[in-house]
Amino acid sequence: MKQFVSLKKNCDFGMVYQRGKSYGNRLLIMYVLEKDQDHEGRVGISVSKKVGNSVVRHRIKRLIKESFRRNLMNWKTNYDYVIVVRKDAKDKDYKQIESALMHLGKHHNVYGDKGEKI
């Protein structure tokens, strides 16, 4: 499986927001848009200034990227993902952020454990 690529353009984010499905929990909201089979998975992370200053926002982005990286083989690749961070995530540690992300992935049926066939 290849590495996830970042969503960078505003029009790409807008496409996922408009056409994708969304589910949320206390810490995160995840938008998922299915793409072609040969499409490489892309991840975009959105953290508002309401969450905190730039240090806090960047820390949360790093935690989300790391949890994706560590569980990369369990995510479906032909999807675009946008993660929106809520204010409550500001003071959370890595395990809590990772747990919230995996919960949303399972809710969307795009994340499965090693034993599950995707």
PDB file of N, CA and C in Angstrom:
ATOM      1  N   MET A   1       0.836  -1.180   0.000  1.00  0.00           N
ATOM      2  CA  MET A   1       0.000   0.000   0.000  1.00  0.00           C
ATOM      3  C   MET A   1       0.873   1.233   0.000  1.00  0.00           C
ATOM      4  N   LYS A   2       0.490   2.219  -0.796  1.00  0.00           N
ATOM      5  CA  LYS A   2       1.261   3.438  -0.891  1.00  0.00           C
ATOM      6  C   LYS A   2       0.926   4.372   0.259  1.00  0.00           C
ATOM      7  N   GLN A   3       1.766   5.382   0.393  1.00  0.00           N
ATOM      8  CA  GLN A   3       1.589   6.380   1.427  1.00  0.00           C
ATOM      9  C   GLN A   3       0.448   7.330   1.062  1.00  0.00           C
ATOM     10  N   PHE A   4      -0.265   7.828   2.050  1.00  0.00           N
ATOM     11  CA  PHE A   4      -1.319   8.790   1.801  1.00  0.00           C
ATOM     12  C   PHE A   4      -0.711  10.118   1.389  1.00  0.00           C
ATOM     13  N   VAL A   5      -1.403  10.794   0.500  1.00  0.00           N
ATOM     14  CA  VAL A   5      -1.001  12.113   0.024  1.00  0.00           C
ATOM     15  C   VAL A   5      -1.930  13.128   0.662  1.00  0.00           C
ATOM     16  N   SER A   6      -1.436  14.338   0.879  1.00  0.00           N
ATOM     17  CA  SER A   6      -2.255  15.373   1.507  1.00  0.00           C
ATOM     18  C   SER A   6      -3.160  16.056   0.499  1.00  0.00           C
ATOM     19  N   LEU A   7      -4.362  16.401   0.943  1.00  0.00           N
ATOM     20  CA  LEU A   7      -5.231  17.299   0.190  1.00  0.00           C
ATOM     21  C   LEU A   7      -4.727  18.712   0.455  1.00  0.00           C
ATOM     22  N   LYS A   8      -4.497  19.475  -0.581  1.00  0.00           N
ATOM     23  CA  LYS A   8      -3.948  20.811  -0.388  1.00  0.00           C
ATOM     24  C   LYS A   8      -4.817  21.919  -0.973  1.00  0.00           C
ATOM     25  N   LYS A   9      -5.496  21.651  -2.072  1.00  0.00           N
ATOM     26  CA  LYS A   9      -6.254  22.694  -2.755  1.00  0.00           C
ATOM     27  C   LYS A   9      -7.639  22.863  -2.146  1.00  0.00           C
ATOM     28  N   ASN A  10      -8.086  24.113  -2.129  1.00  0.00           N
ATOM     29  CA  ASN A  10      -9.389  24.440  -1.582  1.00  0.00           C
ATOM     30  C   ASN A  10     -10.507  23.738  -2.348  1.00  0.00           C
ATOM     31  N   CYS A  11     -10.353  23.604  -3.668  1.00  0.00           N
ATOM     32  CA  CYS A  11     -11.404  22.948  -4.460  1.00  0.00           C
ATOM     33  C   CYS A  11     -11.501  21.460  -4.120  1.00  0.00           C
ATOM     34  N   ASP A  12     -10.369  20.824  -3.751  1.00  0.00           N
ATOM     35  CA  ASP A  12     -10.404  19.423  -3.338  1.00  0.00           C
ATOM     36  C   ASP A  12     -11.138  19.263  -2.007  1.00  0.00           C
ATOM     37  N   PHE A  13     -10.876  20.166  -1.072  1.00  0.00           N
ATOM     38  CA  PHE A  13     -11.597  20.145   0.198  1.00  0.00           C
ATOM     39  C   PHE A  13     -13.089  20.354  -0.044  1.00  0.00           C
ATOM     40  N   GLY A  14     -13.415  21.325  -0.897  1.00  0.00           N
ATOM     41  CA  GLY A  14     -14.820  21.625  -1.192  1.00  0.00           C
ATOM     42  C   GLY A  14     -15.555  20.454  -1.803  1.00  0.00           C
ATOM     43  N   MET A  15     -14.875  19.710  -2.668  1.00  0.00           N
ATOM     44  CA  MET A  15     -15.484  18.541  -3.299  1.00  0.00           C
ATOM     45  C   MET A  15     -15.841  17.491  -2.244  1.00  0.00           C
ATOM     46  N   VAL A  16     -14.932  17.259  -1.307  1.00  0.00           N
ATOM     47  CA  VAL A  16     -15.187  16.262  -0.261  1.00  0.00           C
ATOM     48  C   VAL A  16     -16.299  16.747   0.661  1.00  0.00           C
ATOM     49  N   TYR A  17     -16.308  18.037   0.996  1.00  0.00           N
ATOM     50  CA  TYR A  17     -17.367  18.584   1.844  1.00  0.00           C
ATOM     51  C   TYR A  17     -18.735  18.445   1.181  1.00  0.00           C
ATOM     52  N   GLN A  18     -18.822  18.740  -0.115  1.00  0.00           N
ATOM     53  CA  GLN A  18     -20.112  18.741  -0.802  1.00  0.00           C
ATOM     54  C   GLN A  18     -20.618  17.342  -1.118  1.00  0.00           C
ATOM     55  N   ARG A  19     -19.747  16.475  -1.597  1.00  0.00           N
ATOM     56  CA  ARG A  19     -20.185  15.164  -2.088  1.00  0.00           C
ATOM     57  C   ARG A  19     -19.944  14.021  -1.120  1.00  0.00           C
ATOM     58  N   GLY A  20     -19.142  14.242  -0.097  1.00  0.00           N
ATOM     59  CA  GLY A  20     -18.802  13.162   0.818  1.00  0.00           C
ATOM     60  C   GLY A  20     -19.809  12.994   1.940  1.00  0.00           C
ATOM     61  N   LYS A  21     -19.660  11.894   2.653  1.00  0.00           N
ATOM     62  CA  LYS A  21     -20.487  11.628   3.835  1.00  0.00           C
ATOM     63  C   LYS A  21     -19.705  12.049   5.065  1.00  0.00           C
ATOM     64  N   SER A  22     -20.424  12.481   6.095  1.00  0.00           N
ATOM     65  CA  SER A  22     -19.735  12.924   7.304  1.00  0.00           C
ATOM     66  C   SER A  22     -20.340  12.290   8.545  1.00  0.00           C
ATOM     67  N   TYR A  23     -19.458  11.971   9.462  1.00  0.00           N
ATOM     68  CA  TYR A  23     -19.828  11.535  10.802  1.00  0.00           C
ATOM     69  C   TYR A  23     -18.885  12.231  11.763  1.00  0.00           C
ATOM     70  N   GLY A  24     -19.350  12.435  12.975  1.00  0.00           N
ATOM     71  CA  GLY A  24     -18.528  13.116  13.952  1.00  0.00           C
ATOM     72  C   GLY A  24     -18.645  12.495  15.325  1.00  0.00           C
ATOM     73  N   ASN A  25     -17.668  12.817  16.154  1.00  0.00           N
ATOM     74  CA  ASN A  25     -17.723  12.473  17.568  1.00  0.00           C
ATOM     75  C   ASN A  25     -17.310  13.721  18.349  1.00  0.00           C
ATOM     76  N   ARG A  26     -17.008  13.573  19.611  1.00  0.00           N
ATOM     77  CA  ARG A  26     -16.703  14.744  20.437  1.00  0.00           C
ATOM     78  C   ARG A  26     -15.472  15.510  19.963  1.00  0.00           C
ATOM     79  N   LEU A  27     -14.492  14.818  19.390  1.00  0.00           N
ATOM     80  CA  LEU A  27     -13.220  15.452  19.064  1.00  0.00           C
ATOM     81  C   LEU A  27     -13.055  15.800  17.592  1.00  0.00           C
ATOM     82  N   LEU A  28     -13.595  14.968  16.704  1.00  0.00           N
ATOM     83  CA  LEU A  28     -13.329  15.114  15.275  1.00  0.00           C
ATOM     84  C   LEU A  28     -14.595  14.945  14.448  1.00  0.00           C
ATOM     85  N   ILE A  29     -14.557  15.479  13.241  1.00  0.00           N
ATOM     86  CA  ILE A  29     -15.565  15.210  12.221  1.00  0.00           C
ATOM     87  C   ILE A  29     -14.811  14.671  11.017  1.00  0.00           C
ATOM     88  N   MET A  30     -15.293  13.589  10.428  1.00  0.00           N
ATOM     89  CA  MET A  30     -14.630  12.999   9.272  1.00  0.00           C
ATOM     90  C   MET A  30     -15.568  13.011   8.079  1.00  0.00           C
ATOM     91  N   TYR A  31     -15.081  13.592   6.982  1.00  0.00           N
ATOM     92  CA  TYR A  31     -15.771  13.560   5.698  1.00  0.00           C
ATOM     93  C   TYR A  31     -15.048  12.547   4.823  1.00  0.00           C
ATOM     94  N   VAL A  32     -15.798  11.679   4.152  1.00  0.00           N
ATOM     95  CA  VAL A  32     -15.216  10.635   3.311  1.00  0.00           C
ATOM     96  C   VAL A  32     -15.885  10.676   1.944  1.00  0.00           C
ATOM     97  N   LEU A  33     -15.055  10.666   0.888  1.00  0.00           N
ATOM     98  CA  LEU A  33     -15.553  10.646  -0.481  1.00  0.00           C
ATOM     99  C   LEU A  33     -14.861   9.522  -1.230  1.00  0.00           C
ATOM    100  N   GLU A  34     -15.657   8.592  -1.758  1.00  0.00           N
ATOM    101  CA  GLU A  34     -15.090   7.461  -2.494  1.00  0.00           C
ATOM    102  C   GLU A  34     -14.668   7.918  -3.882  1.00  0.00           C
ATOM    103  N   LYS A  35     -13.512   7.419  -4.321  1.00  0.00           N
ATOM    104  CA  LYS A  35     -12.960   7.751  -5.634  1.00  0.00           C
ATOM    105  C   LYS A  35     -12.818   6.482  -6.465  1.00  0.00           C
ATOM    106  N   ASP A  36     -12.148   6.590  -7.619  1.00  0.00           N
ATOM    107  CA  ASP A  36     -11.909   5.444  -8.484  1.00  0.00           C
ATOM    108  C   ASP A  36     -11.035   4.408  -7.791  1.00  0.00           C
ATOM    109  N   GLN A  37     -11.068   3.189  -8.295  1.00  0.00           N
ATOM    110  CA  GLN A  37     -10.280   2.098  -7.714  1.00  0.00           C
ATOM    111  C   GLN A  37      -8.783   2.376  -7.762  1.00  0.00           C
ATOM    112  N   ASP A  38      -8.302   2.982  -8.842  1.00  0.00           N
ATOM    113  CA  ASP A  38      -6.865   3.223  -8.963  1.00  0.00           C
ATOM    114  C   ASP A  38      -6.438   4.535  -8.305  1.00  0.00           C
ATOM    115  N   HIS A  39      -7.371   5.195  -7.636  1.00  0.00           N
ATOM    116  CA  HIS A  39      -7.092   6.471  -6.976  1.00  0.00           C
ATOM    117  C   HIS A  39      -6.282   6.243  -5.709  1.00  0.00           C
ATOM    118  N   GLU A  40      -5.306   7.082  -5.489  1.00  0.00           N
ATOM    119  CA  GLU A  40      -4.501   7.016  -4.283  1.00  0.00           C
ATOM    120  C   GLU A  40      -5.197   7.803  -3.172  1.00  0.00           C
ATOM    121  N   GLY A  41      -5.235   7.261  -1.975  1.00  0.00           N
ATOM    122  CA  GLY A  41      -5.913   7.918  -0.872  1.00  0.00           C
ATOM    123  C   GLY A  41      -5.266   9.238  -0.501  1.00  0.00           C
ATOM    124  N   ARG A  42      -6.112  10.229  -0.189  1.00  0.00           N
ATOM    125  CA  ARG A  42      -5.601  11.541   0.213  1.00  0.00           C
ATOM    126  C   ARG A  42      -6.269  11.956   1.516  1.00  0.00           C
ATOM    127  N   VAL A  43      -5.524  12.667   2.345  1.00  0.00           N
ATOM    128  CA  VAL A  43      -6.003  13.101   3.646  1.00  0.00           C
ATOM    129  C   VAL A  43      -5.815  14.601   3.771  1.00  0.00           C
ATOM    130  N   GLY A  44      -6.865  15.292   4.217  1.00  0.00           N
ATOM    131  CA  GLY A  44      -6.780  16.707   4.523  1.00  0.00           C
ATOM    132  C   GLY A  44      -7.212  16.935   5.956  1.00  0.00           C
ATOM    133  N   ILE A  45      -6.516  17.834   6.632  1.00  0.00           N
ATOM    134  CA  ILE A  45      -6.825  18.118   8.035  1.00  0.00           C
ATOM    135  C   ILE A  45      -7.119  19.599   8.164  1.00  0.00           C
ATOM    136  N   SER A  46      -8.246  19.916   8.777  1.00  0.00           N
ATOM    137  CA  SER A  46      -8.666  21.299   8.960  1.00  0.00           C
ATOM    138  C   SER A  46      -8.793  21.598  10.450  1.00  0.00           C
ATOM    139  N   VAL A  47      -8.021  22.594  10.899  1.00  0.00           N
ATOM    140  CA  VAL A  47      -8.067  23.006  12.303  1.00  0.00           C
ATOM    141  C   VAL A  47      -8.307  24.509  12.339  1.00  0.00           C
ATOM    142  N   SER A  48      -9.427  24.908  12.899  1.00  0.00           N
ATOM    143  CA  SER A  48      -9.807  26.315  12.963  1.00  0.00           C
ATOM    144  C   SER A  48      -8.976  27.068  13.999  1.00  0.00           C
ATOM    145  N   LYS A  49      -8.904  28.378  13.838  1.00  0.00           N
ATOM    146  CA  LYS A  49      -8.221  29.213  14.823  1.00  0.00           C
ATOM    147  C   LYS A  49      -8.943  29.217  16.163  1.00  0.00           C
ATOM    148  N   LYS A  50     -10.210  28.815  16.157  1.00  0.00           N
ATOM    149  CA  LYS A  50     -10.973  28.742  17.399  1.00  0.00           C
ATOM    150  C   LYS A  50     -10.440  27.649  18.323  1.00  0.00           C
ATOM    151  N   VAL A  51      -9.716  26.675  17.754  1.00  0.00           N
ATOM    152  CA  VAL A  51      -9.180  25.570  18.552  1.00  0.00           C
ATOM    153  C   VAL A  51      -8.029  26.051  19.422  1.00  0.00           C
ATOM    154  N   GLY A  52      -7.212  26.953  18.910  1.00  0.00           N
ATOM    155  CA  GLY A  52      -6.082  27.445  19.680  1.00  0.00           C
ATOM    156  C   GLY A  52      -5.107  28.192  18.800  1.00  0.00           C
ATOM    157  N   ASN A  53      -3.963  28.537  19.393  1.00  0.00           N
ATOM    158  CA  ASN A  53      -2.956  29.244  18.608  1.00  0.00           C
ATOM    159  C   ASN A  53      -2.245  28.277  17.657  1.00  0.00           C
ATOM    160  N   SER A  54      -1.293  28.775  16.898  1.00  0.00           N
ATOM    161  CA  SER A  54      -0.667  27.962  15.852  1.00  0.00           C
ATOM    162  C   SER A  54       0.073  26.755  16.410  1.00  0.00           C
ATOM    163  N   VAL A  55       0.630  26.885  17.591  1.00  0.00           N
ATOM    164  CA  VAL A  55       1.340  25.754  18.202  1.00  0.00           C
ATOM    165  C   VAL A  55       0.367  24.618  18.503  1.00  0.00           C
ATOM    166  N   VAL A  56      -0.768  24.951  19.065  1.00  0.00           N
ATOM    167  CA  VAL A  56      -1.785  23.952  19.403  1.00  0.00           C
ATOM    168  C   VAL A  56      -2.347  23.313  18.136  1.00  0.00           C
ATOM    169  N   ARG A  57      -2.663  24.141  17.146  1.00  0.00           N
ATOM    170  CA  ARG A  57      -3.225  23.620  15.895  1.00  0.00           C
ATOM    171  C   ARG A  57      -2.244  22.685  15.189  1.00  0.00           C
ATOM    172  N   HIS A  58      -0.985  23.058  15.140  1.00  0.00           N
ATOM    173  CA  HIS A  58       0.013  22.214  14.480  1.00  0.00           C
ATOM    174  C   HIS A  58       0.226  20.910  15.247  1.00  0.00           C
ATOM    175  N   ARG A  59       0.195  20.965  16.572  1.00  0.00           N
ATOM    176  CA  ARG A  59       0.349  19.755  17.380  1.00  0.00           C
ATOM    177  C   ARG A  59      -0.760  18.750  17.084  1.00  0.00           C
ATOM    178  N   ILE A  60      -1.991  19.233  16.995  1.00  0.00           N
ATOM    179  CA  ILE A  60      -3.120  18.347  16.698  1.00  0.00           C
ATOM    180  C   ILE A  60      -2.981  17.749  15.306  1.00  0.00           C
ATOM    181  N   LYS A  61      -2.544  18.550  14.341  1.00  0.00           N
ATOM    182  CA  LYS A  61      -2.324  18.027  12.987  1.00  0.00           C
ATOM    183  C   LYS A  61      -1.272  16.920  12.998  1.00  0.00           C
ATOM    184  N   ARG A  62      -0.197  17.128  13.734  1.00  0.00           N
ATOM    185  CA  ARG A  62       0.855  16.101  13.823  1.00  0.00           C
ATOM    186  C   ARG A  62       0.331  14.820  14.450  1.00  0.00           C
ATOM    187  N   LEU A  63      -0.501  14.933  15.475  1.00  0.00           N
ATOM    188  CA  LEU A  63      -1.063  13.748  16.118  1.00  0.00           C
ATOM    189  C   LEU A  63      -1.955  12.969  15.153  1.00  0.00           C
ATOM    190  N   ILE A  64      -2.760  13.663  14.375  1.00  0.00           N
ATOM    191  CA  ILE A  64      -3.647  12.993  13.421  1.00  0.00           C
ATOM    192  C   ILE A  64      -2.831  12.331  12.319  1.00  0.00           C
ATOM    193  N   LYS A  65      -1.829  13.040  11.789  1.00  0.00           N
ATOM    194  CA  LYS A  65      -0.977  12.463  10.743  1.00  0.00           C
ATOM    195  C   LYS A  65      -0.253  11.221  11.246  1.00  0.00           C
ATOM    196  N   GLU A  66       0.219  11.272  12.477  1.00  0.00           N
ATOM    197  CA  GLU A  66       0.937  10.126  13.037  1.00  0.00           C
ATOM    198  C   GLU A  66       0.011   8.931  13.224  1.00  0.00           C
ATOM    199  N   SER A  67      -1.210   9.159  13.664  1.00  0.00           N
ATOM    200  CA  SER A  67      -2.131   8.034  13.839  1.00  0.00           C
ATOM    201  C   SER A  67      -2.521   7.429  12.487  1.00  0.00           C
ATOM    202  N   PHE A  68      -2.634   8.242  11.432  1.00  0.00           N
ATOM    203  CA  PHE A  68      -2.846   7.702  10.089  1.00  0.00           C
ATOM    204  C   PHE A  68      -1.641   6.874   9.660  1.00  0.00           C
ATOM    205  N   ARG A  69      -0.445   7.418   9.878  1.00  0.00           N
ATOM    206  CA  ARG A  69       0.775   6.737   9.441  1.00  0.00           C
ATOM    207  C   ARG A  69       0.940   5.390  10.134  1.00  0.00           C
ATOM    208  N   ARG A  70       0.688   5.341  11.420  1.00  0.00           N
ATOM    209  CA  ARG A  70       0.873   4.095  12.164  1.00  0.00           C
ATOM    210  C   ARG A  70      -0.139   3.018  11.784  1.00  0.00           C
ATOM    211  N   ASN A  71      -1.298   3.415  11.321  1.00  0.00           N
ATOM    212  CA  ASN A  71      -2.359   2.468  10.972  1.00  0.00           C
ATOM    213  C   ASN A  71      -2.645   2.479   9.476  1.00  0.00           C
ATOM    214  N   LEU A  72      -1.676   2.825   8.678  1.00  0.00           N
ATOM    215  CA  LEU A  72      -1.860   3.032   7.246  1.00  0.00           C
ATOM    216  C   LEU A  72      -2.391   1.801   6.531  1.00  0.00           C
ATOM    217  N   MET A  73      -1.921   0.616   6.928  1.00  0.00           N
ATOM    218  CA  MET A  73      -2.336  -0.595   6.214  1.00  0.00           C
ATOM    219  C   MET A  73      -3.799  -0.960   6.473  1.00  0.00           C
ATOM    220  N   ASN A  74      -4.436  -0.328   7.439  1.00  0.00           N
ATOM    221  CA  ASN A  74      -5.825  -0.643   7.773  1.00  0.00           C
ATOM    222  C   ASN A  74      -6.852   0.281   7.118  1.00  0.00           C
ATOM    223  N   TRP A  75      -6.395   1.345   6.456  1.00  0.00           N
ATOM    224  CA  TRP A  75      -7.306   2.295   5.822  1.00  0.00           C
ATOM    225  C   TRP A  75      -7.484   1.948   4.353  1.00  0.00           C
ATOM    226  N   LYS A  76      -8.699   2.120   3.846  1.00  0.00           N
ATOM    227  CA  LYS A  76      -8.952   1.916   2.419  1.00  0.00           C
ATOM    228  C   LYS A  76      -8.322   3.069   1.640  1.00  0.00           C
ATOM    229  N   THR A  77      -7.743   2.731   0.483  1.00  0.00           N
ATOM    230  CA  THR A  77      -6.961   3.728  -0.229  1.00  0.00           C
ATOM    231  C   THR A  77      -7.724   4.511  -1.277  1.00  0.00           C
ATOM    232  N   ASN A  78      -8.820   4.033  -1.781  1.00  0.00           N
ATOM    233  CA  ASN A  78      -9.514   4.738  -2.859  1.00  0.00           C
ATOM    234  C   ASN A  78     -10.537   5.740  -2.319  1.00  0.00           C
ATOM    235  N   TYR A  79     -10.171   6.453  -1.278  1.00  0.00           N
ATOM    236  CA  TYR A  79     -11.035   7.449  -0.644  1.00  0.00           C
ATOM    237  C   TYR A  79     -10.251   8.727  -0.385  1.00  0.00           C
ATOM    238  N   ASP A  80     -10.968   9.851  -0.399  1.00  0.00           N
ATOM    239  CA  ASP A  80     -10.423  11.110   0.095  1.00  0.00           C
ATOM    240  C   ASP A  80     -11.022  11.352   1.475  1.00  0.00           C
ATOM    241  N   TYR A  81     -10.175  11.728   2.421  1.00  0.00           N
ATOM    242  CA  TYR A  81     -10.597  11.957   3.793  1.00  0.00           C
ATOM    243  C   TYR A  81     -10.322  13.411   4.169  1.00  0.00           C
ATOM    244  N   VAL A  82     -11.280  14.052   4.823  1.00  0.00           N
ATOM    245  CA  VAL A  82     -11.059  15.360   5.424  1.00  0.00           C
ATOM    246  C   VAL A  82     -11.421  15.238   6.891  1.00  0.00           C
ATOM    247  N   ILE A  83     -10.476  15.604   7.751  1.00  0.00           N
ATOM    248  CA  ILE A  83     -10.670  15.556   9.192  1.00  0.00           C
ATOM    249  C   ILE A  83     -10.800  16.990   9.693  1.00  0.00           C
ATOM    250  N   VAL A  84     -11.902  17.301  10.344  1.00  0.00           N
ATOM    251  CA  VAL A  84     -12.126  18.614  10.939  1.00  0.00           C
ATOM    252  C   VAL A  84     -12.012  18.442  12.447  1.00  0.00           C
ATOM    253  N   VAL A  85     -11.177  19.267  13.057  1.00  0.00           N
ATOM    254  CA  VAL A  85     -10.909  19.154  14.491  1.00  0.00           C
ATOM    255  C   VAL A  85     -11.850  20.073  15.259  1.00  0.00           C
ATOM    256  N   ARG A  86     -12.442  19.543  16.321  1.00  0.00           N
ATOM    257  CA  ARG A  86     -13.314  20.329  17.193  1.00  0.00           C
ATOM    258  C   ARG A  86     -12.519  20.903  18.361  1.00  0.00           C
ATOM    259  N   LYS A  87     -13.106  21.881  19.042  1.00  0.00           N
ATOM    260  CA  LYS A  87     -12.423  22.560  20.153  1.00  0.00           C
ATOM    261  C   LYS A  87     -12.012  21.617  21.277  1.00  0.00           C
ATOM    262  N   ASP A  88     -12.801  20.592  21.523  1.00  0.00           N
ATOM    263  CA  ASP A  88     -12.521  19.671  22.628  1.00  0.00           C
ATOM    264  C   ASP A  88     -11.222  18.890  22.442  1.00  0.00           C
ATOM    265  N   ALA A  89     -10.704  18.836  21.235  1.00  0.00           N
ATOM    266  CA  ALA A  89      -9.482  18.070  20.969  1.00  0.00           C
ATOM    267  C   ALA A  89      -8.229  18.806  21.421  1.00  0.00           C
ATOM    268  N   LYS A  90      -8.368  20.033  21.833  1.00  0.00           N
ATOM    269  CA  LYS A  90      -7.212  20.869  22.164  1.00  0.00           C
ATOM    270  C   LYS A  90      -6.317  20.268  23.240  1.00  0.00           C
ATOM    271  N   ASP A  91      -6.891  19.741  24.276  1.00  0.00           N
ATOM    272  CA  ASP A  91      -6.112  19.259  25.419  1.00  0.00           C
ATOM    273  C   ASP A  91      -5.941  17.744  25.448  1.00  0.00           C
ATOM    274  N   LYS A  92      -6.291  17.064  24.385  1.00  0.00           N
ATOM    275  CA  LYS A  92      -6.245  15.598  24.372  1.00  0.00           C
ATOM    276  C   LYS A  92      -4.861  15.092  23.968  1.00  0.00           C
ATOM    277  N   ASP A  93      -4.546  13.890  24.427  1.00  0.00           N
ATOM    278  CA  ASP A  93      -3.257  13.286  24.085  1.00  0.00           C
ATOM    279  C   ASP A  93      -3.394  12.393  22.846  1.00  0.00           C
ATOM    280  N   TYR A  94      -2.277  11.772  22.465  1.00  0.00           N
ATOM    281  CA  TYR A  94      -2.231  10.979  21.233  1.00  0.00           C
ATOM    282  C   TYR A  94      -3.244   9.844  21.248  1.00  0.00           C
ATOM    283  N   LYS A  95      -3.328   9.105  22.332  1.00  0.00           N
ATOM    284  CA  LYS A  95      -4.220   7.940  22.393  1.00  0.00           C
ATOM    285  C   LYS A  95      -5.686   8.340  22.208  1.00  0.00           C
ATOM    286  N   GLN A  96      -6.088   9.448  22.783  1.00  0.00           N
ATOM    287  CA  GLN A  96      -7.476   9.892  22.661  1.00  0.00           C
ATOM    288  C   GLN A  96      -7.795  10.345  21.239  1.00  0.00           C
ATOM    289  N   ILE A  97      -6.847  11.052  20.609  1.00  0.00           N
ATOM    290  CA  ILE A  97      -7.039  11.486  19.217  1.00  0.00           C
ATOM    291  C   ILE A  97      -7.088  10.271  18.303  1.00  0.00           C
ATOM    292  N   GLU A  98      -6.170   9.322  18.511  1.00  0.00           N
ATOM    293  CA  GLU A  98      -6.134   8.115  17.685  1.00  0.00           C
ATOM    294  C   GLU A  98      -7.424   7.314  17.838  1.00  0.00           C
ATOM    295  N   SER A  99      -7.899   7.182  19.054  1.00  0.00           N
ATOM    296  CA  SER A  99      -9.129   6.443  19.314  1.00  0.00           C
ATOM    297  C   SER A  99     -10.321   7.100  18.609  1.00  0.00           C
ATOM    298  N   ALA A 100     -10.401   8.428  18.659  1.00  0.00           N
ATOM    299  CA  ALA A 100     -11.495   9.145  17.988  1.00  0.00           C
ATOM    300  C   ALA A 100     -11.416   8.959  16.475  1.00  0.00           C
ATOM    301  N   LEU A 101     -10.205   8.975  15.926  1.00  0.00           N
ATOM    302  CA  LEU A 101     -10.028   8.805  14.485  1.00  0.00           C
ATOM    303  C   LEU A 101     -10.413   7.398  14.042  1.00  0.00           C
ATOM    304  N   MET A 102      -9.980   6.377  14.784  1.00  0.00           N
ATOM    305  CA  MET A 102     -10.320   4.998  14.444  1.00  0.00           C
ATOM    306  C   MET A 102     -11.827   4.756  14.584  1.00  0.00           C
ATOM    307  N   HIS A 103     -12.442   5.369  15.583  1.00  0.00           N
ATOM    308  CA  HIS A 103     -13.889   5.241  15.770  1.00  0.00           C
ATOM    309  C   HIS A 103     -14.632   5.751  14.539  1.00  0.00           C
ATOM    310  N   LEU A 104     -14.224   6.906  14.029  1.00  0.00           N
ATOM    311  CA  LEU A 104     -14.884   7.461  12.847  1.00  0.00           C
ATOM    312  C   LEU A 104     -14.600   6.631  11.600  1.00  0.00           C
ATOM    313  N   GLY A 105     -13.386   6.098  11.488  1.00  0.00           N
ATOM    314  CA  GLY A 105     -13.063   5.235  10.353  1.00  0.00           C
ATOM    315  C   GLY A 105     -13.912   3.982  10.332  1.00  0.00           C
ATOM    316  N   LYS A 106     -14.132   3.403  11.489  1.00  0.00           N
ATOM    317  CA  LYS A 106     -14.986   2.212  11.562  1.00  0.00           C
ATOM    318  C   LYS A 106     -16.443   2.561  11.287  1.00  0.00           C
ATOM    319  N   HIS A 107     -16.853   3.734  11.711  1.00  0.00           N
ATOM    320  CA  HIS A 107     -18.228   4.181  11.475  1.00  0.00           C
ATOM    321  C   HIS A 107     -18.487   4.353   9.975  1.00  0.00           C
ATOM    322  N   HIS A 108     -17.501   4.842   9.242  1.00  0.00           N
ATOM    323  CA  HIS A 108     -17.602   5.019   7.787  1.00  0.00           C
ATOM    324  C   HIS A 108     -17.328   3.721   7.017  1.00  0.00           C
ATOM    325  N   ASN A 109     -16.919   2.660   7.700  1.00  0.00           N
ATOM    326  CA  ASN A 109     -16.531   1.386   7.070  1.00  0.00           C
ATOM    327  C   ASN A 109     -15.340   1.546   6.132  1.00  0.00           C
ATOM    328  N   VAL A 110     -14.383   2.373   6.503  1.00  0.00           N
ATOM    329  CA  VAL A 110     -13.170   2.544   5.704  1.00  0.00           C
ATOM    330  C   VAL A 110     -11.930   2.131   6.483  1.00  0.00           C
ATOM    331  N   TYR A 111     -12.119   1.729   7.723  1.00  0.00           N
ATOM    332  CA  TYR A 111     -11.005   1.295   8.564  1.00  0.00           C
ATOM    333  C   TYR A 111     -11.320  -0.085   9.120  1.00  0.00           C
ATOM    334  N   GLY A 112     -10.353  -0.977   9.036  1.00  0.00           N
ATOM    335  CA  GLY A 112     -10.526  -2.315   9.592  1.00  0.00           C
ATOM    336  C   GLY A 112      -9.248  -2.806  10.203  1.00  0.00           C
ATOM    337  N   ASP A 113      -9.363  -3.673  11.193  1.00  0.00           N
ATOM    338  CA  ASP A 113      -8.179  -4.237  11.829  1.00  0.00           C
ATOM    339  C   ASP A 113      -7.461  -5.158  10.851  1.00  0.00           C
ATOM    340  N   LYS A 114      -6.256  -5.572  11.223  1.00  0.00           N
ATOM    341  CA  LYS A 114      -5.438  -6.403  10.344  1.00  0.00           C
ATOM    342  C   LYS A 114      -6.140  -7.679   9.937  1.00  0.00           C
ATOM    343  N   GLY A 115      -6.941  -8.242  10.825  1.00  0.00           N
ATOM    344  CA  GLY A 115      -7.611  -9.489  10.530  1.00  0.00           C
ATOM    345  C   GLY A 115      -8.785  -9.350   9.579  1.00  0.00           C
ATOM    346  N   GLU A 116      -9.339  -8.155   9.463  1.00  0.00           N
ATOM    347  CA  GLU A 116     -10.492  -7.949   8.591  1.00  0.00           C
ATOM    348  C   GLU A 116     -10.042  -7.725   7.157  1.00  0.00           C
ATOM    349  N   LYS A 117     -10.807  -8.245   6.242  1.00  0.00           N
ATOM    350  CA  LYS A 117     -10.495  -8.056   4.836  1.00  0.00           C
ATOM    351  C   LYS A 117     -11.187  -6.792   4.342  1.00  0.00           C
ATOM    352  N   ILE A 118     -10.419  -5.926   3.726  1.00  0.00           N
ATOM    353  CA  ILE A 118     -10.956  -4.642   3.254  1.00  0.00           C
ATOM    354  C   ILE A 118     -11.184  -4.699   1.764  1.00  0.00           C
TER     355      ILE A 118
END
